Amino acid sequence: MTDTFLDDHRTQLLAGDCTVIATSSTELLRIARRETSPPGGRAARNPNVPDSRPPLNIGALSVSEEMTACLKGWCDNLRTDTGIPMPTIADVAGYALHLRYHSHRVAQQPWAEDCATEVGRWARIVQTITTPPPEKLLADYTPEQRREGMTHAKVDAPTCAELVAEWTHGQCKPTADMIRNWGRRNHVTRFGPQPGKGVYSPREVIAHMRRQKAKPA
């Protein structure tokens, strides 16, 4: 350990980083356990079938576990050196709020600099994971970028209809309502955990429309 005490500025930064971790902990766990299968699908109706449980985001889950162990260690150091008892709530938010409340006591310990450095690193990691990417409009992408992203894109129904018409040069021109209806009937996959905010794969919509055209009249 560096045996360096914290000044007022670093103490405020430590308290702010603890606040970031505490407020973001719920979203971090939600990301770690978020289901990847569409709601209302076969797995949702029958949770006992094989492979019905969606995979966890191991990155977010491991971050939560490692961060909990780290903060618990610093709380334990604080208890050993100052006699302050451990927090009653033994989770990420509980440990982070405990360190924030006693940040001025932490600042007076010989291990304060190491604690502030580690807590700051975890705060940046949590912010990176839980902060959604900035929204970009379809017009922000070039036609080449839109065609390249078509292989894995999952977008809302109006954007999906626009991409399908563009990629097929107008041969397939679905409406947003048509795509939503196909999603409800399981003709195409509806992704997204929230009702009314489904996203769809343009490639899957194109494949469905081509199968319909290929059927004999």
Protein backbone atom coordinates (compact mmCIF):
# COMPACT_ATOMS: atom_id res chain seq x y z
CA MET A 1 0.00 0.00 0.00
CA THR A 2 1.11 3.54 -0.69
CA ASP A 3 0.49 4.92 2.84
CA THR A 4 -0.85 8.21 1.41
CA PHE A 5 -3.75 10.16 2.88
CA LEU A 6 -6.41 11.86 0.73
CA ASP A 7 -6.96 15.59 0.43
CA ASP A 8 -10.45 17.10 0.32
CA HIS A 9 -10.67 16.88 -3.47
CA ARG A 10 -9.76 13.19 -3.61
CA THR A 11 -12.13 12.51 -0.71
CA GLN A 12 -14.98 14.09 -2.66
CA LEU A 13 -14.05 12.04 -5.72
CA LEU A 14 -14.09 8.88 -3.62
CA ALA A 15 -17.55 9.71 -2.27
CA GLY A 16 -18.79 10.46 -5.80
CA ASP A 17 -17.42 7.17 -7.16
CA CYS A 18 -19.14 5.29 -4.34
CA THR A 19 -22.40 7.01 -5.26
CA VAL A 20 -22.01 6.00 -8.90
CA ILE A 21 -21.47 2.37 -7.93
CA ALA A 22 -24.41 2.33 -5.52
CA THR A 23 -26.86 3.90 -7.96
CA SER A 24 -25.74 1.73 -10.88
CA SER A 25 -25.66 -1.60 -9.04
CA THR A 26 -29.30 -2.47 -9.80
CA GLU A 27 -28.89 -1.77 -13.50
CA LEU A 28 -25.68 -3.82 -13.54
CA LEU A 29 -27.48 -6.85 -12.11
CA ARG A 30 -30.37 -6.34 -14.53
CA ILE A 31 -27.95 -6.43 -17.44
CA ALA A 32 -26.29 -9.54 -16.02
CA ARG A 33 -29.60 -11.40 -15.81
CA ARG A 34 -31.39 -9.95 -18.80
CA GLU A 35 -33.12 -12.54 -20.93
CA THR A 36 -32.06 -12.77 -24.53
CA SER A 37 -35.05 -14.76 -25.74
CA PRO A 38 -38.08 -12.78 -26.96
CA PRO A 39 -40.96 -12.46 -24.46
CA GLY A 40 -43.88 -14.81 -24.99
CA GLY A 41 -41.80 -17.33 -26.93
CA ARG A 42 -41.68 -21.07 -26.39
CA ALA A 43 -39.14 -20.77 -23.57
CA ALA A 44 -41.29 -18.22 -21.76
CA ARG A 45 -44.42 -20.41 -21.97
CA ASN A 46 -42.64 -23.60 -20.92
CA PRO A 47 -39.75 -22.91 -18.56
CA ASN A 48 -39.04 -26.62 -18.11
CA VAL A 49 -37.94 -27.36 -21.66
CA PRO A 50 -34.22 -27.86 -22.33
CA ASP A 51 -32.28 -24.66 -23.02
CA SER A 52 -35.22 -22.57 -21.83
CA ARG A 53 -33.11 -20.45 -19.49
CA PRO A 54 -31.29 -17.75 -21.44
CA PRO A 55 -27.55 -17.30 -20.89
CA LEU A 56 -26.23 -14.72 -18.45
CA ASN A 57 -24.04 -11.83 -19.42
CA ILE A 58 -20.92 -13.22 -17.74
CA GLY A 59 -19.08 -9.92 -18.16
CA ALA A 60 -21.58 -7.91 -16.09
CA LEU A 61 -22.06 -10.74 -13.61
CA SER A 62 -18.33 -11.19 -12.98
CA VAL A 63 -17.90 -7.42 -12.60
CA SER A 64 -20.63 -7.37 -9.95
CA GLU A 65 -19.07 -10.27 -8.03
CA GLU A 66 -15.50 -8.96 -8.17
CA MET A 67 -16.60 -5.45 -7.24
CA THR A 68 -18.55 -6.78 -4.27
CA ALA A 69 -15.49 -8.63 -3.00
CA CYS A 70 -13.31 -5.53 -3.47
CA LEU A 71 -15.64 -3.16 -1.62
CA LYS A 72 -16.19 -5.70 1.13
CA GLY A 73 -12.42 -5.88 1.62
CA TRP A 74 -12.12 -2.11 2.04
CA CYS A 75 -15.07 -2.07 4.47
CA ASP A 76 -13.34 -4.82 6.42
CA ASN A 77 -10.12 -2.75 6.52
CA LEU A 78 -12.14 0.18 7.84
CA ARG A 79 -13.63 -1.99 10.57
CA THR A 80 -10.22 -3.36 11.56
CA ASP A 81 -8.49 0.05 11.73
CA THR A 82 -11.27 2.23 13.11
CA GLY A 83 -13.77 -0.11 14.77
CA ILE A 84 -16.63 0.95 12.46
CA PRO A 85 -18.87 -2.13 12.06
CA MET A 86 -19.57 -3.66 8.69
CA PRO A 87 -22.74 -2.49 6.86
CA THR A 88 -25.92 -4.41 7.59
CA ILE A 89 -26.73 -4.76 3.88
CA ALA A 90 -24.04 -7.00 2.40
CA ASP A 91 -24.25 -6.20 -1.31
CA VAL A 92 -22.62 -3.83 -3.79
CA ALA A 93 -24.87 -0.90 -2.94
CA GLY A 94 -24.55 -1.50 0.80
CA TYR A 95 -20.75 -1.57 0.74
CA ALA A 96 -20.53 1.44 -1.59
CA LEU A 97 -22.87 3.57 0.54
CA HIS A 98 -20.95 2.53 3.66
CA LEU A 99 -17.67 3.73 2.17
CA ARG A 100 -19.29 6.95 0.95
CA TYR A 101 -20.73 7.72 4.38
CA HIS A 102 -17.33 7.14 6.02
CA SER A 103 -15.26 8.62 3.19
CA HIS A 104 -13.58 11.14 5.53
CA ARG A 105 -12.54 8.33 7.85
CA VAL A 106 -11.25 6.37 4.88
CA ALA A 107 -9.24 9.42 3.78
CA GLN A 108 -7.27 9.31 7.05
CA GLN A 109 -6.14 5.70 6.64
CA PRO A 110 -2.72 4.70 5.24
CA TRP A 111 -4.45 2.66 2.53
CA ALA A 112 -6.76 5.50 1.43
CA GLU A 113 -5.00 6.15 -1.89
CA ASP A 114 -5.22 2.50 -2.93
CA CYS A 115 -8.88 2.37 -1.91
CA ALA A 116 -9.74 5.52 -3.90
CA THR A 117 -7.89 4.21 -6.96
CA GLU A 118 -9.71 0.85 -6.95
CA VAL A 119 -13.13 2.37 -6.25
CA GLY A 120 -12.61 4.88 -9.06
CA ARG A 121 -11.68 2.10 -11.47
CA TRP A 122 -14.81 0.13 -10.60
CA ALA A 123 -16.97 3.25 -10.97
CA ARG A 124 -15.65 3.78 -14.51
CA ILE A 125 -16.25 0.12 -15.40
CA VAL A 126 -19.82 0.22 -14.08
CA GLN A 127 -20.57 3.42 -15.98
CA THR A 128 -19.21 1.88 -19.18
CA ILE A 129 -21.44 -1.19 -18.82
CA THR A 130 -24.65 0.52 -17.68
CA THR A 131 -24.59 3.66 -19.84
CA PRO A 132 -26.51 3.02 -23.09
CA PRO A 133 -24.80 3.97 -26.34
CA PRO A 134 -25.82 7.30 -27.89
CA GLU A 135 -28.79 7.11 -30.22
CA LYS A 136 -28.03 7.38 -33.91
CA LEU A 137 -30.57 8.03 -36.63
CA LEU A 138 -30.72 5.93 -39.75
CA ALA A 139 -29.59 8.95 -41.77
CA ASP A 140 -26.37 9.04 -39.74
CA TYR A 141 -25.17 5.87 -41.49
CA THR A 142 -24.01 5.60 -45.09
CA PRO A 143 -25.75 3.09 -47.39
CA GLU A 144 -22.65 0.88 -47.21
CA GLN A 145 -22.77 0.88 -43.40
CA ARG A 146 -26.47 0.05 -43.44
CA ARG A 147 -25.94 -2.90 -45.79
CA GLU A 148 -23.01 -4.12 -43.71
CA GLY A 149 -25.00 -3.92 -40.49
CA MET A 150 -27.95 -5.77 -42.01
CA THR A 151 -26.45 -9.15 -41.08
CA HIS A 152 -26.90 -8.58 -37.34
CA ALA A 153 -29.14 -5.49 -37.07
CA LYS A 154 -32.21 -5.60 -34.84
CA VAL A 155 -34.24 -2.41 -35.07
CA ASP A 156 -37.76 -1.13 -34.41
CA ALA A 157 -40.54 -1.84 -36.87
CA PRO A 158 -40.51 1.49 -38.80
CA THR A 159 -36.72 1.40 -39.22
CA CYS A 160 -36.88 -2.27 -40.19
CA ALA A 161 -39.42 -1.51 -42.91
CA GLU A 162 -37.21 1.27 -44.26
CA LEU A 163 -34.11 -0.94 -44.28
CA VAL A 164 -35.91 -3.81 -46.00
CA ALA A 165 -37.18 -1.52 -48.78
CA GLU A 166 -33.72 -0.02 -49.23
CA TRP A 167 -31.83 -3.31 -49.26
CA THR A 168 -34.22 -4.97 -51.72
CA HIS A 169 -34.37 -1.86 -53.94
CA GLY A 170 -38.13 -1.59 -53.42
CA GLN A 171 -38.96 -5.21 -54.25
CA CYS A 172 -40.06 -5.79 -50.64
CA LYS A 173 -41.91 -2.89 -49.07
CA PRO A 174 -43.47 -3.96 -45.76
CA THR A 175 -45.11 -1.51 -43.41
CA ALA A 176 -44.30 -1.24 -39.73
CA ASP A 177 -47.73 -2.68 -38.83
CA MET A 178 -47.13 -5.68 -41.07
CA ILE A 179 -43.83 -6.42 -39.33
CA ARG A 180 -45.42 -6.10 -35.90
CA ASN A 181 -48.23 -8.44 -36.96
CA TRP A 182 -45.72 -11.03 -38.23
CA GLY A 183 -43.93 -10.77 -34.90
CA ARG A 184 -47.16 -11.43 -32.97
CA ARG A 185 -47.86 -14.47 -35.17
CA ASN A 186 -44.29 -15.77 -34.75
CA HIS A 187 -43.61 -15.54 -38.49
CA VAL A 188 -40.56 -13.44 -37.57
CA THR A 189 -38.77 -13.16 -34.25
CA ARG A 190 -39.70 -10.27 -32.01
CA PHE A 191 -36.74 -9.29 -29.84
CA GLY A 192 -36.81 -7.00 -26.83
CA PRO A 193 -37.83 -7.43 -23.19
CA GLN A 194 -40.44 -4.65 -22.99
CA PRO A 195 -43.99 -4.96 -24.41
CA GLY A 196 -44.66 -2.53 -27.23
CA LYS A 197 -40.97 -1.89 -27.88
CA GLY A 198 -40.02 -4.91 -29.95
CA VAL A 199 -37.17 -4.92 -32.43
CA TYR A 200 -36.85 -7.08 -35.52
CA SER A 201 -34.20 -8.44 -37.85
CA PRO A 202 -34.45 -6.97 -41.38
CA ARG A 203 -32.86 -10.10 -42.85
CA GLU A 204 -35.51 -12.26 -41.20
CA VAL A 205 -38.29 -10.03 -42.53
CA ILE A 206 -36.84 -10.22 -46.04
CA ALA A 207 -36.57 -14.01 -45.81
CA HIS A 208 -40.21 -14.25 -44.66
CA MET A 209 -41.47 -12.04 -47.47
CA ARG A 210 -39.51 -14.04 -50.08
CA ARG A 211 -40.93 -17.29 -48.72
CA GLN A 212 -44.44 -15.85 -49.05
CA LYS A 213 -43.80 -14.84 -52.68
CA ALA A 214 -42.37 -18.27 -53.46
CA LYS A 215 -45.53 -20.07 -52.33
CA PRO A 216 -47.82 -21.17 -55.13
CA ALA A 217 -50.94 -19.10 -55.54
